[in-house]
Amino acid sequence: MISYRDIRKVRWDALIMFLAIYNGFYIPFDFAFKPEISQKLGFQMLTILIDIIFIVDLILGFFTSYIDNKGKECFDSN
């Protein structure tokens, strides 16, 4: 189990928040205006990489500790 307070987990969460904000601006912009740069292979690969990072984050969430009702960090996977 990974502690939710681990510095690597905190940095990972910061990356995920940055990518979520990026997607929040990019997806509507791309949908509305279809810029030519978004059609290039490198840009499409970046979009796929971001999606893969989100999938990894989803899986990582199952292996992260949490705070229980008593306010203690719980490492139990059940």
Protein backbone atom coordinates (compact mmCIF):
# COMPACT_ATOMS: atom_id res chain seq x y z
CA MET A 1 0.00 0.00 0.00
CA ILE A 2 1.10 3.54 -0.73
CA SER A 3 0.63 6.19 1.93
CA TYR A 4 -1.47 9.10 0.78
CA ARG A 5 1.15 11.35 2.45
CA ASP A 6 4.12 9.95 0.50
CA ILE A 7 5.88 12.79 -1.35
CA ARG A 8 5.87 10.79 -4.60
CA LYS A 9 2.10 10.31 -4.28
CA VAL A 10 1.65 14.03 -3.61
CA ARG A 11 3.68 14.89 -6.72
CA TRP A 12 1.73 12.33 -8.75
CA ASP A 13 -1.54 13.91 -7.59
CA ALA A 14 -0.23 17.36 -8.57
CA LEU A 15 0.58 16.01 -12.06
CA ILE A 16 -2.91 14.50 -12.33
CA MET A 17 -4.51 17.81 -11.30
CA PHE A 18 -2.40 19.70 -13.87
CA LEU A 19 -3.38 17.24 -16.62
CA ALA A 20 -7.05 17.45 -15.62
CA ILE A 21 -6.95 21.25 -15.86
CA TYR A 22 -5.15 20.99 -19.20
CA ASN A 23 -7.82 18.60 -20.50
CA GLY A 24 -10.53 20.89 -19.15
CA PHE A 25 -9.30 23.65 -21.45
CA TYR A 26 -7.97 21.64 -24.38
CA ILE A 27 -10.89 19.29 -25.06
CA PRO A 28 -13.56 21.99 -25.47
CA PHE A 29 -11.14 24.15 -27.49
CA ASP A 30 -10.28 21.25 -29.78
CA PHE A 31 -13.92 20.26 -30.16
CA ALA A 32 -14.99 23.81 -31.05
CA PHE A 33 -12.15 24.99 -33.29
CA LYS A 34 -10.31 21.87 -34.58
CA PRO A 35 -6.86 23.53 -34.78
CA GLU A 36 -4.40 22.03 -37.26
CA ILE A 37 -1.80 21.33 -34.57
CA SER A 38 -4.13 18.84 -32.89
CA GLN A 39 -4.10 16.72 -36.06
CA LYS A 40 -0.33 16.15 -35.93
CA LEU A 41 0.93 12.74 -34.83
CA GLY A 42 3.01 14.07 -31.92
CA PHE A 43 0.05 15.91 -30.46
CA GLN A 44 -2.20 12.88 -30.82
CA MET A 45 0.43 10.74 -29.07
CA LEU A 46 0.49 13.28 -26.22
CA THR A 47 -3.27 12.96 -25.87
CA ILE A 48 -3.02 9.16 -25.75
CA LEU A 49 -0.22 9.37 -23.17
CA ILE A 50 -2.37 11.60 -20.96
CA ASP A 51 -5.22 9.09 -21.20
CA ILE A 52 -2.86 6.27 -20.20
CA ILE A 53 -1.66 8.32 -17.21
CA PHE A 54 -5.28 8.74 -16.09
CA ILE A 55 -5.83 4.97 -16.34
CA VAL A 56 -2.69 4.33 -14.26
CA ASP A 57 -3.96 6.83 -11.68
CA LEU A 58 -7.27 5.00 -11.50
CA ILE A 59 -5.48 1.71 -10.79
CA LEU A 60 -3.09 3.39 -8.33
CA GLY A 61 -6.07 4.62 -6.33
CA PHE A 62 -6.83 1.04 -5.32
CA PHE A 63 -3.39 0.75 -3.68
CA THR A 64 -3.40 4.03 -1.75
CA SER A 65 -4.10 4.39 1.96
CA TYR A 66 -7.05 6.43 3.22
CA ILE A 67 -8.36 8.05 6.39
CA ASP A 68 -10.96 5.98 8.24
CA ASN A 69 -13.89 7.25 10.34
CA LYS A 70 -11.67 7.57 13.42
CA GLY A 71 -9.19 9.82 11.62
CA LYS A 72 -6.42 7.23 11.35
CA GLU A 73 -4.59 6.28 8.19
CA CYS A 74 -5.79 2.87 7.03
CA PHE A 75 -3.59 0.56 4.96
CA ASP A 76 -6.17 -2.23 4.77
CA SER A 77 -7.05 -3.12 1.19
CA ASN A 78 -10.43 -4.52 2.20
